[in-house]
Amino acid sequence: MKIKTVGSWDDELWPDASRLYLEAFGEKGAKPVKIIKNMFARGIAELHVGYKESAPVVMALSGKLVSDRVMIIDYLAVSEKERGKGLGKHFVDYLRQKAVAEGYQKLIIEAESEETPENRSRIHFWQSCGFILTEYVHHYIWVPETYHAMYLPLMADCREITGEELFVYINTFHRLSFQGRR
């Protein structure tokens, strides 16, 4: 699989990513494009798109809290017709290797906590990639869904982290994403 990564808004790459992004998150949870552009303008995001032959099959939008040495996988989507073939795990491994090479100490994601088969499946996917599920359930004031934080330590001596601690990073990232939007 060929992977393209950019750290600034790319009008040519976004259409490839947006098909996958909207397929997975369009009706529920997708950030508006103006917010994503703001994330790039603030220097806190990267877009990653994986291709099978010339077709985009997987995408991720990652957030960077450089001073905290934390990378957040904000969104990850695999084409519906390509799911179950290991592309998601391959992509997470790519992001893990990239984070290690750039000096990050942990990868963080948030997963919906409501007990549904779909959410359990997502949490199982992240656990199969090495992520640790925290018990804390976070309630946002602007969305009805509740979330768990999950993390992947990138250093051997990384201590256990609570969900509350992880949501400090996640909330910082969200605040920066929406701050000063144009």
N, C-alpha and C. Protein backbone atom coordinates (compact mmCIF):
# COMPACT_ATOMS: atom_id res chain seq x y z
N MET A 1 0.85 -1.18 0.00
CA MET A 1 0.00 0.00 0.00
C MET A 1 0.89 1.24 0.00
N LYS A 2 0.56 2.18 -0.83
CA LYS A 2 1.26 3.46 -0.88
C LYS A 2 0.52 4.43 0.03
N ILE A 3 1.25 5.15 0.88
CA ILE A 3 0.64 6.10 1.82
C ILE A 3 1.18 7.50 1.57
N LYS A 4 0.28 8.44 1.47
CA LYS A 4 0.65 9.86 1.35
C LYS A 4 0.28 10.54 2.66
N THR A 5 1.19 11.35 3.18
CA THR A 5 0.96 12.12 4.40
C THR A 5 1.29 13.58 4.13
N VAL A 6 0.39 14.47 4.56
CA VAL A 6 0.63 15.91 4.42
C VAL A 6 0.34 16.59 5.74
N GLY A 7 1.06 17.68 6.00
CA GLY A 7 0.88 18.46 7.22
C GLY A 7 0.27 19.82 6.95
N SER A 8 -0.19 20.03 5.73
CA SER A 8 -0.90 21.26 5.40
C SER A 8 -2.06 20.90 4.48
N TRP A 9 -3.02 21.81 4.38
CA TRP A 9 -4.20 21.52 3.57
C TRP A 9 -3.78 21.24 2.14
N ASP A 10 -4.35 20.21 1.54
CA ASP A 10 -3.99 19.81 0.18
C ASP A 10 -5.28 19.58 -0.61
N ASP A 11 -5.57 20.53 -1.52
CA ASP A 11 -6.80 20.46 -2.31
C ASP A 11 -6.85 19.23 -3.22
N GLU A 12 -5.71 18.66 -3.55
CA GLU A 12 -5.69 17.48 -4.41
C GLU A 12 -5.86 16.19 -3.61
N LEU A 13 -5.34 16.15 -2.39
CA LEU A 13 -5.42 14.94 -1.58
C LEU A 13 -6.75 14.83 -0.84
N TRP A 14 -7.33 15.96 -0.43
CA TRP A 14 -8.55 15.92 0.37
C TRP A 14 -9.70 15.17 -0.32
N PRO A 15 -9.95 15.33 -1.62
CA PRO A 15 -11.05 14.58 -2.23
C PRO A 15 -10.90 13.05 -2.07
N ASP A 16 -9.67 12.54 -2.13
CA ASP A 16 -9.46 11.10 -1.92
C ASP A 16 -9.81 10.72 -0.50
N ALA A 17 -9.38 11.53 0.46
CA ALA A 17 -9.66 11.24 1.87
C ALA A 17 -11.13 11.47 2.20
N SER A 18 -11.72 12.50 1.65
CA SER A 18 -13.08 12.88 2.05
C SER A 18 -14.11 11.82 1.69
N ARG A 19 -13.90 11.09 0.61
CA ARG A 19 -14.84 10.01 0.26
C ARG A 19 -14.90 8.98 1.38
N LEU A 20 -13.74 8.60 1.86
CA LEU A 20 -13.67 7.61 2.95
C LEU A 20 -14.17 8.22 4.26
N TYR A 21 -13.78 9.44 4.52
CA TYR A 21 -14.15 10.16 5.74
C TYR A 21 -15.67 10.30 5.84
N LEU A 22 -16.30 10.74 4.76
CA LEU A 22 -17.75 10.94 4.78
C LEU A 22 -18.50 9.61 4.79
N GLU A 23 -17.96 8.59 4.14
CA GLU A 23 -18.56 7.27 4.17
C GLU A 23 -18.63 6.75 5.61
N ALA A 24 -17.57 6.99 6.37
CA ALA A 24 -17.49 6.48 7.74
C ALA A 24 -18.13 7.42 8.78
N PHE A 25 -17.99 8.74 8.60
CA PHE A 25 -18.37 9.67 9.66
C PHE A 25 -19.36 10.75 9.24
N GLY A 26 -19.78 10.74 7.98
CA GLY A 26 -20.59 11.83 7.44
C GLY A 26 -21.84 12.14 8.21
N GLU A 27 -22.56 11.10 8.63
CA GLU A 27 -23.82 11.33 9.33
C GLU A 27 -23.61 11.50 10.83
N LYS A 28 -22.47 11.08 11.31
CA LYS A 28 -22.27 11.09 12.76
C LYS A 28 -20.80 11.36 13.09
N GLY A 29 -20.53 12.55 13.57
CA GLY A 29 -19.21 12.81 14.11
C GLY A 29 -18.19 13.48 13.21
N ALA A 30 -18.49 13.69 11.95
CA ALA A 30 -17.50 14.32 11.07
C ALA A 30 -17.35 15.80 11.42
N LYS A 31 -16.11 16.27 11.46
CA LYS A 31 -15.85 17.69 11.65
C LYS A 31 -16.09 18.39 10.33
N PRO A 32 -16.60 19.61 10.36
CA PRO A 32 -16.73 20.37 9.12
C PRO A 32 -15.35 20.65 8.51
N VAL A 33 -15.30 20.75 7.20
CA VAL A 33 -14.05 20.99 6.49
C VAL A 33 -13.36 22.26 6.99
N LYS A 34 -14.13 23.29 7.31
CA LYS A 34 -13.50 24.54 7.78
C LYS A 34 -12.73 24.31 9.08
N ILE A 35 -13.18 23.39 9.92
CA ILE A 35 -12.47 23.08 11.16
C ILE A 35 -11.19 22.31 10.84
N ILE A 36 -11.28 21.37 9.91
CA ILE A 36 -10.10 20.60 9.51
C ILE A 36 -9.05 21.54 8.90
N LYS A 37 -9.49 22.45 8.06
CA LYS A 37 -8.56 23.44 7.49
C LYS A 37 -7.92 24.27 8.59
N ASN A 38 -8.69 24.62 9.62
CA ASN A 38 -8.16 25.38 10.74
C ASN A 38 -7.10 24.57 11.49
N MET A 39 -7.33 23.28 11.63
CA MET A 39 -6.35 22.41 12.29
C MET A 39 -5.01 22.45 11.55
N PHE A 40 -5.08 22.41 10.22
CA PHE A 40 -3.85 22.49 9.42
C PHE A 40 -3.21 23.87 9.55
N ALA A 41 -4.02 24.92 9.52
CA ALA A 41 -3.50 26.28 9.64
C ALA A 41 -2.79 26.48 10.98
N ARG A 42 -3.26 25.80 12.01
CA ARG A 42 -2.66 25.90 13.35
C ARG A 42 -1.47 24.96 13.52
N GLY A 43 -1.21 24.10 12.53
CA GLY A 43 -0.07 23.20 12.58
C GLY A 43 -0.24 22.03 13.53
N ILE A 44 -1.49 21.62 13.76
CA ILE A 44 -1.74 20.53 14.72
C ILE A 44 -2.32 19.28 14.07
N ALA A 45 -2.29 19.19 12.75
CA ALA A 45 -2.91 18.04 12.09
C ALA A 45 -2.07 17.53 10.94
N GLU A 46 -2.28 16.25 10.65
CA GLU A 46 -1.74 15.64 9.43
C GLU A 46 -2.84 14.77 8.83
N LEU A 47 -2.82 14.69 7.52
CA LEU A 47 -3.75 13.83 6.79
C LEU A 47 -2.94 12.71 6.16
N HIS A 48 -3.44 11.50 6.30
CA HIS A 48 -2.78 10.31 5.78
C HIS A 48 -3.78 9.56 4.91
N VAL A 49 -3.37 9.21 3.69
CA VAL A 49 -4.25 8.45 2.80
C VAL A 49 -3.47 7.28 2.24
N GLY A 50 -4.07 6.09 2.35
CA GLY A 50 -3.47 4.87 1.82
C GLY A 50 -4.16 4.44 0.56
N TYR A 51 -3.35 4.00 -0.41
CA TYR A 51 -3.87 3.62 -1.73
C TYR A 51 -3.59 2.16 -2.04
N LYS A 52 -4.58 1.50 -2.60
CA LYS A 52 -4.41 0.16 -3.15
C LYS A 52 -4.52 0.36 -4.65
N GLU A 53 -3.41 0.12 -5.33
CA GLU A 53 -3.26 0.53 -6.72
C GLU A 53 -3.43 2.04 -6.74
N SER A 54 -4.41 2.59 -7.43
CA SER A 54 -4.54 4.06 -7.40
C SER A 54 -5.79 4.50 -6.64
N ALA A 55 -6.48 3.55 -6.02
CA ALA A 55 -7.72 3.87 -5.32
C ALA A 55 -7.47 4.12 -3.83
N PRO A 56 -8.00 5.22 -3.28
CA PRO A 56 -7.86 5.46 -1.85
C PRO A 56 -8.71 4.43 -1.08
N VAL A 57 -8.09 3.75 -0.11
CA VAL A 57 -8.79 2.70 0.62
C VAL A 57 -8.79 2.91 2.14
N VAL A 58 -7.93 3.78 2.62
CA VAL A 58 -7.86 4.06 4.06
C VAL A 58 -7.36 5.48 4.26
N MET A 59 -7.91 6.15 5.29
CA MET A 59 -7.47 7.51 5.61
C MET A 59 -7.43 7.67 7.11
N ALA A 60 -6.61 8.62 7.55
CA ALA A 60 -6.59 9.01 8.95
C ALA A 60 -6.30 10.49 9.03
N LEU A 61 -6.89 11.10 10.03
CA LEU A 61 -6.59 12.48 10.36
C LEU A 61 -6.00 12.42 11.77
N SER A 62 -4.76 12.85 11.90
CA SER A 62 -4.11 12.78 13.21
C SER A 62 -3.86 14.18 13.74
N GLY A 63 -3.86 14.26 15.06
CA GLY A 63 -3.58 15.51 15.74
C GLY A 63 -2.25 15.42 16.46
N LYS A 64 -1.57 16.56 16.55
CA LYS A 64 -0.25 16.58 17.17
C LYS A 64 -0.21 17.60 18.30
N LEU A 65 0.10 17.11 19.49
CA LEU A 65 0.38 17.99 20.62
C LEU A 65 1.87 17.82 20.90
N VAL A 66 2.67 18.56 20.15
CA VAL A 66 4.12 18.38 20.14
C VAL A 66 4.71 18.58 21.53
N SER A 67 4.32 19.64 22.24
CA SER A 67 4.92 19.90 23.55
C SER A 67 4.57 18.82 24.57
N ASP A 68 3.44 18.15 24.39
CA ASP A 68 3.05 17.05 25.29
C ASP A 68 3.55 15.69 24.79
N ARG A 69 4.12 15.69 23.58
CA ARG A 69 4.62 14.47 22.94
C ARG A 69 3.52 13.41 22.79
N VAL A 70 2.35 13.89 22.33
CA VAL A 70 1.18 13.06 22.15
C VAL A 70 0.67 13.21 20.73
N MET A 71 0.37 12.07 20.09
CA MET A 71 -0.31 12.08 18.80
C MET A 71 -1.69 11.48 19.01
N ILE A 72 -2.70 12.13 18.47
CA ILE A 72 -4.08 11.68 18.58
C ILE A 72 -4.55 11.22 17.21
N ILE A 73 -5.09 10.03 17.14
CA ILE A 73 -5.73 9.59 15.91
C ILE A 73 -7.17 10.08 16.02
N ASP A 74 -7.44 11.17 15.33
CA ASP A 74 -8.74 11.83 15.42
C ASP A 74 -9.79 11.05 14.62
N TYR A 75 -9.43 10.59 13.45
CA TYR A 75 -10.31 9.80 12.60
C TYR A 75 -9.49 8.75 11.87
N LEU A 76 -10.06 7.58 11.71
CA LEU A 76 -9.47 6.52 10.89
C LEU A 76 -10.63 5.85 10.17
N ALA A 77 -10.52 5.72 8.86
CA ALA A 77 -11.59 5.09 8.09
C ALA A 77 -10.99 4.20 7.02
N VAL A 78 -11.57 3.01 6.91
CA VAL A 78 -11.21 2.07 5.85
C VAL A 78 -12.44 1.93 4.95
N SER A 79 -12.22 1.90 3.66
CA SER A 79 -13.30 1.72 2.71
C SER A 79 -14.12 0.49 3.10
N GLU A 80 -15.44 0.62 3.04
CA GLU A 80 -16.32 -0.50 3.43
C GLU A 80 -15.96 -1.78 2.70
N LYS A 81 -15.66 -1.70 1.41
CA LYS A 81 -15.37 -2.93 0.65
C LYS A 81 -14.00 -3.52 0.94
N GLU A 82 -13.14 -2.77 1.65
CA GLU A 82 -11.79 -3.25 1.97
C GLU A 82 -11.63 -3.65 3.44
N ARG A 83 -12.71 -3.55 4.22
CA ARG A 83 -12.60 -3.87 5.65
C ARG A 83 -12.37 -5.37 5.85
N GLY A 84 -11.69 -5.69 6.94
CA GLY A 84 -11.44 -7.08 7.28
C GLY A 84 -10.24 -7.68 6.57
N LYS A 85 -9.45 -6.86 5.90
CA LYS A 85 -8.28 -7.34 5.15
C LYS A 85 -6.96 -6.90 5.77
N GLY A 86 -7.01 -6.32 6.96
CA GLY A 86 -5.79 -5.92 7.65
C GLY A 86 -5.29 -4.53 7.32
N LEU A 87 -6.01 -3.78 6.50
CA LEU A 87 -5.55 -2.44 6.11
C LEU A 87 -5.56 -1.48 7.30
N GLY A 88 -6.58 -1.56 8.14
CA GLY A 88 -6.66 -0.68 9.30
C GLY A 88 -5.49 -0.91 10.24
N LYS A 89 -5.19 -2.19 10.52
CA LYS A 89 -4.06 -2.50 11.41
C LYS A 89 -2.74 -2.04 10.79
N HIS A 90 -2.60 -2.25 9.49
CA HIS A 90 -1.39 -1.80 8.80
C HIS A 90 -1.24 -0.29 8.93
N PHE A 91 -2.35 0.42 8.78
CA PHE A 91 -2.32 1.88 8.84
C PHE A 91 -2.00 2.36 10.26
N VAL A 92 -2.58 1.70 11.26
CA VAL A 92 -2.28 2.06 12.65
C VAL A 92 -0.79 1.82 12.92
N ASP A 93 -0.24 0.74 12.39
CA ASP A 93 1.18 0.48 12.57
C ASP A 93 2.02 1.57 11.90
N TYR A 94 1.60 2.01 10.72
CA TYR A 94 2.28 3.13 10.05
C TYR A 94 2.27 4.37 10.94
N LEU A 95 1.11 4.70 11.51
CA LEU A 95 1.00 5.87 12.38
C LEU A 95 1.85 5.70 13.64
N ARG A 96 1.89 4.49 14.19
CA ARG A 96 2.71 4.21 15.37
C ARG A 96 4.19 4.44 15.04
N GLN A 97 4.66 3.88 13.92
CA GLN A 97 6.06 4.05 13.54
C GLN A 97 6.39 5.53 13.31
N LYS A 98 5.49 6.24 12.68
CA LYS A 98 5.69 7.67 12.42
C LYS A 98 5.77 8.43 13.74
N ALA A 99 4.88 8.11 14.67
CA ALA A 99 4.88 8.78 15.97
C ALA A 99 6.18 8.51 16.73
N VAL A 100 6.65 7.28 16.73
CA VAL A 100 7.90 6.94 17.40
C VAL A 100 9.06 7.71 16.77
N ALA A 101 9.11 7.72 15.43
CA ALA A 101 10.19 8.42 14.73
C ALA A 101 10.21 9.91 15.03
N GLU A 102 9.04 10.48 15.32
CA GLU A 102 8.94 11.91 15.60
C GLU A 102 9.03 12.24 17.09
N GLY A 103 9.26 11.22 17.93
CA GLY A 103 9.48 11.45 19.35
C GLY A 103 8.25 11.53 20.23
N TYR A 104 7.11 11.10 19.72
CA TYR A 104 5.91 11.10 20.55
C TYR A 104 5.98 9.94 21.55
N GLN A 105 5.38 10.13 22.73
CA GLN A 105 5.42 9.12 23.78
C GLN A 105 4.20 8.21 23.78
N LYS A 106 3.09 8.71 23.22
CA LYS A 106 1.89 7.89 23.19
C LYS A 106 0.97 8.29 22.05
N LEU A 107 0.21 7.32 21.59
CA LEU A 107 -0.87 7.53 20.64
C LEU A 107 -2.17 7.45 21.44
N ILE A 108 -3.11 8.32 21.15
CA ILE A 108 -4.39 8.34 21.87
C ILE A 108 -5.53 8.32 20.86
N ILE A 109 -6.59 7.63 21.23
CA ILE A 109 -7.84 7.71 20.47
C ILE A 109 -8.98 7.80 21.47
N GLU A 110 -10.14 8.23 20.98
CA GLU A 110 -11.34 8.15 21.80
C GLU A 110 -12.34 7.28 21.05
N ALA A 111 -13.05 6.45 21.81
CA ALA A 111 -14.02 5.52 21.22
C ALA A 111 -15.34 5.66 21.96
N GLU A 112 -16.42 5.62 21.21
CA GLU A 112 -17.74 5.72 21.84
C GLU A 112 -17.90 4.59 22.85
N SER A 113 -18.46 4.94 24.01
CA SER A 113 -18.52 3.97 25.11
C SER A 113 -19.85 3.25 25.25
N GLU A 114 -20.88 3.72 24.55
CA GLU A 114 -22.18 3.04 24.66
C GLU A 114 -22.02 1.57 24.24
N GLU A 115 -22.64 0.69 25.02
CA GLU A 115 -22.52 -0.75 24.77
C GLU A 115 -23.37 -1.17 23.56
N THR A 116 -22.79 -1.06 22.38
CA THR A 116 -23.45 -1.55 21.17
C THR A 116 -22.47 -2.50 20.48
N PRO A 117 -22.98 -3.40 19.64
CA PRO A 117 -22.07 -4.30 18.91
C PRO A 117 -21.05 -3.53 18.07
N GLU A 118 -21.46 -2.45 17.43
CA GLU A 118 -20.56 -1.66 16.59
C GLU A 118 -19.44 -1.04 17.43
N ASN A 119 -19.81 -0.46 18.57
CA ASN A 119 -18.79 0.17 19.43
C ASN A 119 -17.86 -0.88 20.03
N ARG A 120 -18.41 -2.03 20.45
CA ARG A 120 -17.56 -3.10 20.98
C ARG A 120 -16.57 -3.58 19.91
N SER A 121 -17.04 -3.65 18.67
CA SER A 121 -16.17 -4.06 17.57
C SER A 121 -15.04 -3.05 17.35
N ARG A 122 -15.36 -1.77 17.42
CA ARG A 122 -14.33 -0.73 17.27
C ARG A 122 -13.30 -0.81 18.39
N ILE A 123 -13.78 -0.96 19.62
CA ILE A 123 -12.87 -1.05 20.76
C ILE A 123 -11.99 -2.29 20.61
N HIS A 124 -12.58 -3.40 20.18
CA HIS A 124 -11.79 -4.62 19.97
C HIS A 124 -10.71 -4.40 18.91
N PHE A 125 -11.06 -3.68 17.82
CA PHE A 125 -10.07 -3.37 16.78
C PHE A 125 -8.88 -2.63 17.40
N TRP A 126 -9.17 -1.56 18.16
CA TRP A 126 -8.09 -0.77 18.75
C TRP A 126 -7.27 -1.61 19.73
N GLN A 127 -7.93 -2.45 20.51
CA GLN A 127 -7.20 -3.33 21.43
C GLN A 127 -6.31 -4.30 20.66
N SER A 128 -6.79 -4.79 19.51
CA SER A 128 -5.98 -5.70 18.71
C SER A 128 -4.76 -5.00 18.12
N CYS A 129 -4.79 -3.67 18.09
CA CYS A 129 -3.64 -2.87 17.63
C CYS A 129 -2.74 -2.49 18.80
N GLY A 130 -3.06 -2.94 20.00
CA GLY A 130 -2.22 -2.69 21.17
C GLY A 130 -2.70 -1.57 22.09
N PHE A 131 -3.82 -0.93 21.76
CA PHE A 131 -4.32 0.16 22.58
C PHE A 131 -4.92 -0.37 23.88
N ILE A 132 -4.77 0.41 24.93
CA ILE A 132 -5.27 0.07 26.25
C ILE A 132 -6.52 0.89 26.52
N LEU A 133 -7.61 0.20 26.88
CA LEU A 133 -8.89 0.85 27.18
C LEU A 133 -8.88 1.34 28.62
N THR A 134 -9.28 2.59 28.83
CA THR A 134 -9.40 3.12 30.19
C THR A 134 -10.86 3.01 30.62
N GLU A 135 -11.09 2.99 31.92
CA GLU A 135 -12.44 2.81 32.45
C GLU A 135 -13.28 4.08 32.41
N TYR A 136 -12.63 5.21 32.57
CA TYR A 136 -13.34 6.49 32.66
C TYR A 136 -14.22 6.73 31.43
N VAL A 137 -15.45 7.19 31.67
CA VAL A 137 -16.38 7.54 30.59
C VAL A 137 -16.53 9.06 30.59
N HIS A 138 -16.22 9.68 29.45
CA HIS A 138 -16.25 11.14 29.33
C HIS A 138 -17.56 11.59 28.70
N HIS A 139 -18.14 12.62 29.28
CA HIS A 139 -19.38 13.22 28.77
C HIS A 139 -19.05 14.61 28.24
N TYR A 140 -19.23 14.81 26.94
CA TYR A 140 -19.07 16.14 26.37
C TYR A 140 -20.38 16.90 26.54
N ILE A 141 -20.30 18.22 26.59
CA ILE A 141 -21.53 19.00 26.71
C ILE A 141 -22.18 19.25 25.34
N TRP A 142 -21.42 19.09 24.25
CA TRP A 142 -21.96 19.44 22.93
C TRP A 142 -22.38 18.25 22.08
N VAL A 143 -22.15 17.02 22.54
CA VAL A 143 -22.64 15.84 21.82
C VAL A 143 -23.23 14.86 22.84
N PRO A 144 -24.24 14.10 22.44
CA PRO A 144 -24.88 13.19 23.40
C PRO A 144 -24.08 11.92 23.69
N GLU A 145 -23.20 11.51 22.79
CA GLU A 145 -22.44 10.27 22.97
C GLU A 145 -21.42 10.42 24.09
N THR A 146 -21.15 9.32 24.76
CA THR A 146 -20.09 9.27 25.76
C THR A 146 -18.90 8.51 25.18
N TYR A 147 -17.71 8.77 25.72
CA TYR A 147 -16.50 8.22 25.13
C TYR A 147 -15.55 7.65 26.19
N HIS A 148 -14.80 6.65 25.76
CA HIS A 148 -13.65 6.14 26.48
C HIS A 148 -12.41 6.67 25.78
N ALA A 149 -11.33 6.84 26.53
CA ALA A 149 -10.03 7.12 25.92
C ALA A 149 -9.25 5.82 25.90
N MET A 150 -8.48 5.65 24.83
CA MET A 150 -7.59 4.50 24.70
C MET A 150 -6.22 5.04 24.33
N TYR A 151 -5.17 4.33 24.75
CA TYR A 151 -3.84 4.81 24.42
C TYR A 151 -2.92 3.65 24.11
N LEU A 152 -1.89 3.98 23.34
CA LEU A 152 -0.84 3.04 22.99
C LEU A 152 0.48 3.66 23.44
N PRO A 153 1.10 3.10 24.50
CA PRO A 153 2.39 3.64 24.93
C PRO A 153 3.46 3.37 23.87
N LEU A 154 4.28 4.36 23.61
CA LEU A 154 5.32 4.23 22.59
C LEU A 154 6.71 4.11 23.19
N MET A 155 6.78 4.15 24.51
CA MET A 155 8.06 4.01 25.22
C MET A 155 7.91 2.87 26.23
N ALA A 156 8.96 2.09 26.40
CA ALA A 156 8.91 0.93 27.29
C ALA A 156 8.59 1.31 28.73
N ASP A 157 9.06 2.47 29.18
CA ASP A 157 8.86 2.83 30.58
C ASP A 157 7.65 3.74 30.80
N CYS A 158 6.73 3.74 29.86
CA CYS A 158 5.54 4.59 29.96
C CYS A 158 4.63 4.06 31.09
N ARG A 159 4.27 4.94 32.01
CA ARG A 159 3.42 4.52 33.13
C ARG A 159 1.97 4.40 32.67
N GLU A 160 1.16 3.71 33.47
CA GLU A 160 -0.26 3.59 33.16
C GLU A 160 -0.89 4.98 33.28
N ILE A 161 -1.82 5.27 32.39
CA ILE A 161 -2.44 6.59 32.34
C ILE A 161 -3.95 6.42 32.50
N THR A 162 -4.57 7.31 33.23
CA THR A 162 -6.01 7.23 33.43
C THR A 162 -6.74 7.90 32.26
N GLY A 163 -8.00 7.55 32.11
CA GLY A 163 -8.83 8.18 31.10
C GLY A 163 -8.97 9.67 31.32
N GLU A 164 -9.08 10.07 32.59
CA GLU A 164 -9.18 11.50 32.90
C GLU A 164 -7.94 12.25 32.38
N GLU A 165 -6.77 11.67 32.58
CA GLU A 165 -5.54 12.30 32.10
C GLU A 165 -5.54 12.38 30.57
N LEU A 166 -5.99 11.32 29.93
CA LEU A 166 -6.00 11.31 28.47
C LEU A 166 -6.97 12.34 27.91
N PHE A 167 -8.11 12.52 28.59
CA PHE A 167 -9.06 13.51 28.08
C PHE A 167 -8.57 14.94 28.27
N VAL A 168 -7.60 15.18 29.12
CA VAL A 168 -6.97 16.50 29.18
C VAL A 168 -6.30 16.78 27.83
N TYR A 169 -5.57 15.80 27.31
CA TYR A 169 -4.93 15.94 25.99
C TYR A 169 -5.98 16.07 24.89
N ILE A 170 -6.98 15.20 24.91
CA ILE A 170 -8.01 15.20 23.87
C ILE A 170 -8.75 16.53 23.87
N ASN A 171 -9.12 17.02 25.05
CA ASN A 171 -9.83 18.31 25.13
C ASN A 171 -8.95 19.47 24.68
N THR A 172 -7.66 19.42 24.99
CA THR A 172 -6.73 20.44 24.51
C THR A 172 -6.71 20.44 22.99
N PHE A 173 -6.61 19.26 22.40
CA PHE A 173 -6.61 19.15 20.94
C PHE A 173 -7.90 19.70 20.35
N HIS A 174 -9.05 19.32 20.90
CA HIS A 174 -10.33 19.82 20.38
C HIS A 174 -10.42 21.35 20.50
N ARG A 175 -9.98 21.88 21.64
CA ARG A 175 -10.02 23.33 21.84
C ARG A 175 -9.16 24.03 20.79
N LEU A 176 -7.95 23.53 20.57
CA LEU A 176 -7.07 24.11 19.55
C LEU A 176 -7.65 23.98 18.15
N SER A 177 -8.35 22.89 17.89
CA SER A 177 -8.95 22.66 16.57
C SER A 177 -9.99 23.71 16.23
N PHE A 178 -10.76 24.11 17.24
CA PHE A 178 -11.86 25.04 17.01
C PHE A 178 -11.48 26.49 17.26
N GLN A 179 -10.33 26.74 17.91
CA GLN A 179 -9.88 28.08 18.25
C GLN A 179 -9.46 28.86 17.01
N GLY A 180 -9.88 30.11 16.95
CA GLY A 180 -9.42 30.99 15.88
C GLY A 180 -9.80 30.53 14.48
N ARG A 181 -10.87 29.76 14.40
CA ARG A 181 -11.26 29.27 13.06
C ARG A 181 -11.68 30.44 12.18
N ARG A 182 -11.45 30.23 10.90
CA ARG A 182 -11.70 31.32 9.94
C ARG A 182 -13.05 31.19 9.28
